[in-house]
N, C-alpha and C. Protein backbone atom coordinates (compact mmCIF):
# COMPACT_ATOMS: atom_id res chain seq x y z
N MET A 1 315.00 81.03 29.20
CA MET A 1 315.57 81.92 28.18
C MET A 1 316.94 82.33 28.67
N LEU A 2 317.93 82.23 27.80
CA LEU A 2 319.31 82.60 28.13
C LEU A 2 319.58 83.96 27.59
N VAL A 3 320.07 84.84 28.46
CA VAL A 3 320.47 86.24 28.09
C VAL A 3 321.91 86.40 28.50
N GLU A 4 322.80 86.73 27.56
CA GLU A 4 324.20 86.87 27.88
C GLU A 4 324.56 88.33 28.04
N ALA A 5 325.27 88.68 29.08
CA ALA A 5 325.72 90.06 29.28
C ALA A 5 326.78 90.42 28.31
N SER A 6 327.44 89.47 27.72
CA SER A 6 328.50 89.77 26.78
C SER A 6 328.06 89.61 25.35
N ILE A 7 326.76 89.83 25.13
CA ILE A 7 326.21 89.71 23.74
C ILE A 7 326.93 90.65 22.82
N SER A 8 327.36 90.12 21.67
CA SER A 8 327.94 90.95 20.64
C SER A 8 326.99 92.05 20.25
N GLY A 9 327.40 93.29 20.24
CA GLY A 9 326.57 94.39 19.85
C GLY A 9 325.73 94.93 21.03
N GLN A 10 326.03 94.47 22.28
CA GLN A 10 325.30 94.97 23.42
C GLN A 10 325.37 96.49 23.43
N GLN A 11 324.17 97.11 23.55
CA GLN A 11 324.11 98.52 23.53
C GLN A 11 324.41 99.11 24.91
N GLU A 12 325.32 100.09 24.92
CA GLU A 12 325.52 100.78 26.21
C GLU A 12 324.31 101.67 26.42
N PHE A 13 323.83 101.73 27.66
CA PHE A 13 322.66 102.57 27.95
C PHE A 13 323.16 103.97 28.32
N VAL A 14 322.67 104.93 27.56
CA VAL A 14 323.01 106.33 27.83
C VAL A 14 321.71 107.07 28.15
N PRO A 15 321.40 107.24 29.42
CA PRO A 15 320.12 107.88 29.77
C PRO A 15 320.18 109.36 29.53
N ASP A 16 318.97 109.88 29.21
CA ASP A 16 318.82 111.33 29.16
C ASP A 16 317.45 111.63 29.75
N GLU A 17 316.99 112.85 29.68
CA GLU A 17 315.72 113.19 30.33
C GLU A 17 314.53 112.50 29.72
N THR A 18 314.67 111.89 28.54
CA THR A 18 313.54 111.21 27.93
C THR A 18 313.48 109.74 28.23
N ASN A 19 314.56 109.14 28.68
CA ASN A 19 314.58 107.68 28.87
C ASN A 19 315.16 107.20 30.16
N ASN A 20 315.34 108.06 31.15
CA ASN A 20 316.04 107.63 32.34
C ASN A 20 315.12 107.10 33.42
N VAL A 21 313.77 107.09 33.19
CA VAL A 21 312.83 106.60 34.15
C VAL A 21 312.29 105.25 33.68
N PHE A 22 312.22 104.35 34.65
CA PHE A 22 311.61 103.04 34.32
C PHE A 22 310.75 102.56 35.49
N PHE A 23 309.82 101.67 35.17
CA PHE A 23 308.81 101.21 36.13
C PHE A 23 309.06 99.72 36.39
N MET A 24 309.03 99.37 37.69
CA MET A 24 309.19 98.00 38.09
C MET A 24 307.93 97.60 38.85
N PRO A 25 306.94 96.96 38.15
CA PRO A 25 305.65 96.64 38.75
C PRO A 25 305.76 95.88 40.09
N GLU A 26 306.78 95.07 40.23
CA GLU A 26 306.90 94.25 41.48
C GLU A 26 307.90 94.89 42.43
N GLY A 27 308.46 96.03 42.10
CA GLY A 27 309.50 96.64 42.95
C GLY A 27 310.75 95.81 42.98
N LEU A 28 311.63 96.11 43.89
CA LEU A 28 312.85 95.36 44.10
C LEU A 28 312.59 94.26 45.14
N ILE A 29 313.37 93.23 45.12
CA ILE A 29 313.28 92.18 46.14
C ILE A 29 313.53 92.82 47.49
N GLY A 30 312.56 92.71 48.39
CA GLY A 30 312.66 93.32 49.71
C GLY A 30 312.20 94.74 49.77
N LEU A 31 311.91 95.34 48.65
CA LEU A 31 311.44 96.72 48.58
C LEU A 31 310.31 96.85 47.56
N SER A 32 309.29 96.04 47.78
CA SER A 32 308.22 95.89 46.80
C SER A 32 307.34 97.17 46.66
N ASP A 33 307.40 98.11 47.63
CA ASP A 33 306.62 99.30 47.57
C ASP A 33 307.24 100.36 46.62
N PHE A 34 308.45 100.18 46.28
CA PHE A 34 309.17 101.17 45.46
C PHE A 34 309.20 100.66 43.98
N LYS A 35 308.48 101.35 43.12
CA LYS A 35 308.25 100.80 41.76
C LYS A 35 308.76 101.69 40.64
N LYS A 36 308.93 103.01 40.90
CA LYS A 36 309.33 103.92 39.85
C LYS A 36 310.74 104.43 40.15
N PHE A 37 311.62 104.24 39.19
CA PHE A 37 313.04 104.57 39.40
C PHE A 37 313.56 105.48 38.32
N GLU A 38 314.55 106.26 38.69
CA GLU A 38 315.28 107.08 37.76
C GLU A 38 316.73 106.58 37.77
N LEU A 39 317.28 106.43 36.58
CA LEU A 39 318.69 106.04 36.48
C LEU A 39 319.57 107.26 36.34
N ILE A 40 320.50 107.41 37.34
CA ILE A 40 321.37 108.62 37.34
C ILE A 40 322.78 108.17 36.96
N VAL A 41 323.32 108.81 35.95
CA VAL A 41 324.68 108.45 35.51
C VAL A 41 325.54 109.72 35.63
N ASP A 42 326.59 109.57 36.39
CA ASP A 42 327.60 110.63 36.54
C ASP A 42 328.86 110.11 35.94
N PRO A 43 329.34 110.68 34.80
CA PRO A 43 330.52 110.17 34.11
C PRO A 43 331.73 109.95 35.03
N GLU A 44 331.83 110.76 36.10
CA GLU A 44 332.94 110.64 36.99
C GLU A 44 332.82 109.45 37.94
N SER A 45 331.63 108.87 38.04
CA SER A 45 331.44 107.74 38.92
C SER A 45 331.34 106.41 38.19
N LEU A 46 331.42 106.43 36.89
CA LEU A 46 331.30 105.18 36.10
C LEU A 46 332.41 104.23 36.53
N PRO A 47 332.16 102.94 36.58
CA PRO A 47 331.03 102.20 36.01
C PRO A 47 329.77 102.22 36.91
N PHE A 48 329.82 102.92 38.07
CA PHE A 48 328.68 102.90 38.95
C PHE A 48 327.64 103.90 38.49
N VAL A 49 326.40 103.50 38.58
CA VAL A 49 325.21 104.35 38.34
C VAL A 49 324.37 104.30 39.62
N ILE A 50 323.37 105.17 39.67
CA ILE A 50 322.49 105.21 40.82
C ILE A 50 321.07 105.00 40.36
N LEU A 51 320.39 104.04 41.04
CA LEU A 51 318.96 103.86 40.87
C LEU A 51 318.29 104.65 41.99
N ARG A 52 317.55 105.68 41.60
CA ARG A 52 316.91 106.53 42.63
C ARG A 52 315.40 106.34 42.54
N CYS A 53 314.84 105.95 43.68
CA CYS A 53 313.40 105.78 43.75
C CYS A 53 312.75 107.14 43.66
N ILE A 54 311.73 107.28 42.80
CA ILE A 54 311.07 108.58 42.64
C ILE A 54 309.62 108.54 43.00
N ASP A 55 309.22 107.55 43.75
CA ASP A 55 307.85 107.48 44.20
C ASP A 55 307.75 107.20 45.71
N GLY A 56 308.34 108.11 46.44
CA GLY A 56 308.29 107.95 47.88
C GLY A 56 309.59 108.39 48.53
N ASP A 57 310.08 107.56 49.44
CA ASP A 57 311.35 107.87 50.11
C ASP A 57 312.48 108.03 49.11
N ASP A 58 313.40 108.86 49.46
CA ASP A 58 314.58 109.09 48.58
C ASP A 58 315.59 107.97 48.79
N ILE A 59 315.30 106.88 48.13
CA ILE A 59 316.20 105.69 48.23
C ILE A 59 317.09 105.74 46.98
N GLN A 60 318.41 105.61 47.24
CA GLN A 60 319.34 105.56 46.13
C GLN A 60 320.18 104.28 46.28
N ILE A 61 320.25 103.53 45.12
CA ILE A 61 320.89 102.24 45.15
C ILE A 61 321.98 102.21 44.09
N PRO A 62 323.25 101.99 44.48
CA PRO A 62 324.33 101.90 43.48
C PRO A 62 324.24 100.61 42.68
N ALA A 63 324.53 100.68 41.41
CA ALA A 63 324.45 99.52 40.51
C ALA A 63 325.50 99.69 39.42
N VAL A 64 325.77 98.57 38.66
CA VAL A 64 326.67 98.61 37.55
C VAL A 64 326.10 97.77 36.41
N GLU A 65 326.49 98.12 35.20
CA GLU A 65 326.23 97.19 34.11
C GLU A 65 327.41 96.20 34.09
N PRO A 66 327.07 94.90 34.01
CA PRO A 66 328.15 93.92 34.15
C PRO A 66 329.02 93.76 32.90
N VAL A 67 328.57 94.27 31.74
CA VAL A 67 329.28 94.12 30.48
C VAL A 67 330.70 94.69 30.61
N GLY A 68 331.65 93.88 30.37
CA GLY A 68 333.06 94.30 30.47
C GLY A 68 333.66 94.18 31.86
N LEU A 69 332.81 93.90 32.89
CA LEU A 69 333.29 93.82 34.24
C LEU A 69 333.25 92.40 34.75
N VAL A 70 332.26 91.59 34.31
CA VAL A 70 332.09 90.22 34.78
C VAL A 70 332.17 89.29 33.58
N GLU A 71 333.21 88.49 33.55
CA GLU A 71 333.41 87.60 32.39
C GLU A 71 332.42 86.43 32.40
N ASN A 72 331.99 86.03 31.22
CA ASN A 72 331.14 84.86 31.02
C ASN A 72 329.89 84.89 31.88
N TYR A 73 329.28 86.06 32.03
CA TYR A 73 328.06 86.19 32.77
C TYR A 73 326.90 85.86 31.93
N LYS A 74 326.28 84.73 32.23
CA LYS A 74 325.14 84.23 31.42
C LYS A 74 323.92 84.17 32.28
N LEU A 75 322.96 84.95 31.90
CA LEU A 75 321.72 85.07 32.70
C LEU A 75 320.66 84.16 32.13
N ASN A 76 320.31 83.13 32.87
CA ASN A 76 319.23 82.23 32.44
C ASN A 76 318.00 82.64 33.22
N ILE A 77 317.04 83.31 32.53
CA ILE A 77 315.85 83.77 33.21
C ILE A 77 314.68 82.87 32.84
N GLY A 78 313.72 82.78 33.74
CA GLY A 78 312.55 81.97 33.50
C GLY A 78 311.65 82.55 32.39
N ASP A 79 310.92 81.68 31.74
CA ASP A 79 310.04 82.08 30.62
C ASP A 79 309.01 83.12 31.11
N ALA A 80 308.51 82.96 32.33
CA ALA A 80 307.52 83.90 32.86
C ALA A 80 308.10 85.31 33.00
N ASP A 81 309.39 85.37 33.47
CA ASP A 81 310.04 86.67 33.63
C ASP A 81 310.30 87.28 32.23
N ALA A 82 310.76 86.47 31.30
CA ALA A 82 310.99 86.94 29.91
C ALA A 82 309.72 87.49 29.28
N GLU A 83 308.60 86.74 29.51
CA GLU A 83 307.35 87.18 28.95
C GLU A 83 306.84 88.44 29.60
N MET A 84 306.96 88.54 30.95
CA MET A 84 306.50 89.72 31.66
C MET A 84 307.28 90.97 31.18
N LEU A 85 308.54 90.82 30.90
CA LEU A 85 309.36 91.95 30.45
C LEU A 85 309.29 92.18 28.96
N GLY A 86 308.71 91.23 28.23
CA GLY A 86 308.65 91.40 26.77
C GLY A 86 310.01 91.14 26.13
N LEU A 87 310.82 90.27 26.70
CA LEU A 87 312.14 90.02 26.17
C LEU A 87 312.13 88.86 25.20
N THR A 88 311.58 89.10 24.02
CA THR A 88 311.59 88.08 22.98
C THR A 88 312.00 88.77 21.70
N GLY A 89 312.60 87.98 20.81
CA GLY A 89 313.02 88.52 19.53
C GLY A 89 313.92 89.70 19.66
N ALA A 90 313.59 90.82 18.92
CA ALA A 90 314.48 91.98 18.92
C ALA A 90 314.54 92.69 20.26
N ASP A 91 313.57 92.38 21.16
CA ASP A 91 313.59 93.05 22.45
C ASP A 91 314.36 92.24 23.51
N ALA A 92 315.08 91.20 23.07
CA ALA A 92 315.81 90.35 24.02
C ALA A 92 317.17 90.92 24.41
N ASN A 93 317.34 92.27 24.27
CA ASN A 93 318.56 92.90 24.63
C ASN A 93 318.30 93.91 25.73
N PRO A 94 318.02 93.40 26.98
CA PRO A 94 317.66 94.29 28.07
C PRO A 94 318.87 95.06 28.63
N LEU A 95 318.56 96.13 29.29
CA LEU A 95 319.53 96.81 30.14
C LEU A 95 319.72 95.87 31.34
N ILE A 96 320.95 95.52 31.66
CA ILE A 96 321.24 94.64 32.78
C ILE A 96 321.97 95.44 33.84
N LEU A 97 321.45 95.44 35.05
CA LEU A 97 322.07 96.16 36.15
C LEU A 97 322.22 95.19 37.33
N ASN A 98 323.38 95.25 37.97
CA ASN A 98 323.58 94.44 39.19
C ASN A 98 323.74 95.44 40.34
N VAL A 99 322.98 95.16 41.40
CA VAL A 99 323.05 96.02 42.60
C VAL A 99 324.44 95.87 43.23
N ALA A 100 325.04 96.99 43.57
CA ALA A 100 326.36 97.01 44.16
C ALA A 100 326.20 97.30 45.66
N THR A 101 327.03 96.64 46.48
CA THR A 101 327.10 96.93 47.90
C THR A 101 328.48 97.49 48.18
N ILE A 102 328.52 98.71 48.62
CA ILE A 102 329.80 99.37 48.96
C ILE A 102 330.07 99.06 50.44
N LYS A 103 331.00 98.14 50.69
CA LYS A 103 331.28 97.71 52.07
C LYS A 103 332.22 98.65 52.79
N SER A 104 333.11 99.31 52.02
CA SER A 104 333.98 100.33 52.64
C SER A 104 334.52 101.21 51.54
N PHE A 105 334.86 102.44 51.88
CA PHE A 105 335.33 103.43 50.94
C PHE A 105 336.86 103.50 50.87
N ASP A 106 337.51 103.45 52.02
CA ASP A 106 338.96 103.64 52.09
C ASP A 106 339.53 102.73 53.14
N PRO A 107 340.01 101.57 52.86
CA PRO A 107 340.21 101.00 51.49
C PRO A 107 338.88 100.56 50.91
N GLN A 108 338.78 100.61 49.59
CA GLN A 108 337.52 100.32 48.92
C GLN A 108 337.26 98.81 48.78
N LYS A 109 335.99 98.42 49.09
CA LYS A 109 335.52 97.07 48.86
C LYS A 109 334.09 97.15 48.36
N VAL A 110 333.86 96.57 47.18
CA VAL A 110 332.53 96.60 46.55
C VAL A 110 332.20 95.22 46.05
N THR A 111 330.94 94.82 46.32
CA THR A 111 330.48 93.52 45.82
C THR A 111 329.23 93.73 44.95
N LEU A 112 328.96 92.76 44.08
CA LEU A 112 327.78 92.79 43.22
C LEU A 112 326.89 91.62 43.48
N ASN A 113 325.59 91.80 43.32
CA ASN A 113 324.63 90.76 43.36
C ASN A 113 324.48 90.21 41.92
N LEU A 114 325.11 89.15 41.59
CA LEU A 114 325.00 88.56 40.26
C LEU A 114 323.85 87.58 40.15
N ALA A 115 323.36 87.06 41.27
CA ALA A 115 322.30 86.04 41.26
C ALA A 115 320.91 86.63 40.97
N ALA A 116 320.76 87.92 41.22
CA ALA A 116 319.43 88.56 41.02
C ALA A 116 319.60 89.93 40.35
N PRO A 117 319.88 89.95 39.04
CA PRO A 117 320.05 91.24 38.35
C PRO A 117 318.74 91.96 38.15
N ILE A 118 318.82 93.21 37.85
CA ILE A 118 317.65 94.00 37.42
C ILE A 118 317.73 94.05 35.92
N LEU A 119 316.64 93.63 35.25
CA LEU A 119 316.58 93.69 33.80
C LEU A 119 315.49 94.71 33.40
N VAL A 120 315.82 95.57 32.43
CA VAL A 120 314.90 96.56 31.95
C VAL A 120 314.77 96.47 30.45
N ASN A 121 313.53 96.31 30.00
CA ASN A 121 313.23 96.33 28.55
C ASN A 121 313.52 97.76 28.08
N ARG A 122 314.49 97.88 27.15
CA ARG A 122 314.88 99.20 26.65
C ARG A 122 313.76 99.94 25.93
N ARG A 123 312.86 99.21 25.35
CA ARG A 123 311.78 99.84 24.55
C ARG A 123 310.64 100.28 25.46
N THR A 124 310.14 99.35 26.31
CA THR A 124 308.98 99.68 27.14
C THR A 124 309.29 100.36 28.43
N ARG A 125 310.56 100.33 28.90
CA ARG A 125 311.02 100.91 30.14
C ARG A 125 310.42 100.21 31.36
N VAL A 126 310.08 98.93 31.19
CA VAL A 126 309.55 98.12 32.30
C VAL A 126 310.71 97.20 32.76
N GLY A 127 310.89 97.13 34.10
CA GLY A 127 311.98 96.36 34.61
C GLY A 127 311.52 95.42 35.70
N LYS A 128 312.46 94.51 36.02
CA LYS A 128 312.17 93.54 37.10
C LYS A 128 313.53 93.05 37.63
N GLN A 129 313.57 92.88 38.96
CA GLN A 129 314.74 92.18 39.53
C GLN A 129 314.36 90.72 39.52
N VAL A 130 315.16 89.94 38.81
CA VAL A 130 314.85 88.52 38.67
C VAL A 130 315.88 87.67 39.37
N VAL A 131 315.42 86.59 39.95
CA VAL A 131 316.33 85.58 40.50
C VAL A 131 316.60 84.62 39.33
N LEU A 132 317.87 84.52 38.94
CA LEU A 132 318.20 83.70 37.78
C LEU A 132 317.86 82.24 38.01
N VAL A 133 317.51 81.55 36.90
CA VAL A 133 317.31 80.11 36.99
C VAL A 133 318.62 79.46 37.40
N ASN A 134 319.69 80.01 36.90
CA ASN A 134 321.07 79.51 37.21
C ASN A 134 321.74 80.29 38.32
N TYR A 135 320.92 80.76 39.31
CA TYR A 135 321.44 81.57 40.41
C TYR A 135 322.59 80.93 41.18
N GLN A 136 322.57 79.57 41.24
CA GLN A 136 323.60 78.85 42.00
C GLN A 136 324.99 79.02 41.35
N ASP A 137 325.05 79.48 40.11
CA ASP A 137 326.35 79.69 39.45
C ASP A 137 327.01 81.02 39.85
N TYR A 138 326.21 81.88 40.54
CA TYR A 138 326.68 83.24 40.84
C TYR A 138 326.47 83.55 42.33
N SER A 139 327.25 84.55 42.76
CA SER A 139 327.21 85.00 44.14
C SER A 139 326.34 86.21 44.27
N THR A 140 325.76 86.36 45.48
CA THR A 140 325.06 87.65 45.80
C THR A 140 326.09 88.65 46.32
N ALA A 141 327.33 88.25 46.47
CA ALA A 141 328.37 89.15 46.92
C ALA A 141 329.65 88.92 46.13
N HIS A 142 329.52 88.97 44.80
CA HIS A 142 330.69 88.85 43.91
C HIS A 142 331.60 90.04 44.10
N VAL A 143 332.87 89.79 44.39
CA VAL A 143 333.80 90.87 44.68
C VAL A 143 334.19 91.58 43.36
N LEU A 144 333.86 92.88 43.26
CA LEU A 144 334.24 93.69 42.11
C LEU A 144 335.52 94.42 42.44
N ILE A 145 335.62 95.01 43.61
CA ILE A 145 336.83 95.74 44.03
C ILE A 145 337.10 95.34 45.48
N ASP A 146 338.37 95.02 45.75
CA ASP A 146 338.76 94.75 47.15
C ASP A 146 340.15 95.27 47.39
N GLN A 147 340.29 96.41 47.99
CA GLN A 147 341.55 97.00 48.33
C GLN A 147 341.91 96.85 49.78
N THR A 148 341.10 96.03 50.48
CA THR A 148 341.34 95.77 51.91
C THR A 148 342.51 94.80 52.00
N SER A 149 343.11 94.72 53.19
CA SER A 149 344.25 93.84 53.38
C SER A 149 343.84 92.38 53.16
N GLU A 150 342.57 92.05 53.52
CA GLU A 150 342.07 90.69 53.28
C GLU A 150 342.06 90.36 51.80
N GLY A 151 341.61 91.31 50.97
CA GLY A 151 341.46 91.07 49.54
C GLY A 151 342.77 91.07 48.81
N GLN A 152 343.82 91.64 49.44
CA GLN A 152 345.11 91.72 48.76
C GLN A 152 346.04 90.55 49.10
N GLN A 153 345.61 89.73 50.08
CA GLN A 153 346.43 88.61 50.41
C GLN A 153 346.26 87.55 49.33
N GLY A 154 347.27 86.82 49.00
CA GLY A 154 347.22 85.90 47.88
C GLY A 154 347.23 84.52 48.28
């Protein structure tokens, strides 16, 4: 199943106290014990959001929605993942989040994992970190921001 991050009409996710919690039955890759997350959005930190684990250790993971940040991002997910998430028909418009790694603050360097996004069904609030069928087209360390001297050399 092909899911495009640049879908026309893509809904921006605006969490509030009624919809900011979602469940990931399989947890995150490498963190399978952590299954219940809260999405924290601070307007001053956008486009970055925080995934905060709310069932155990206080783990906070920075992430971004790729819409408008990553051009031509096409997510090809397996049928089993699409079925597990209920992403068929009208529900095929998931919240897409890419885990961000902040490598340095000053100068700033941030990368995104584009090969294994987190998809959340907006209706059921069930999510999964999926390894894309077309993972080889994307990096696990896609440079979003690089203000280091290495990144500024041309």
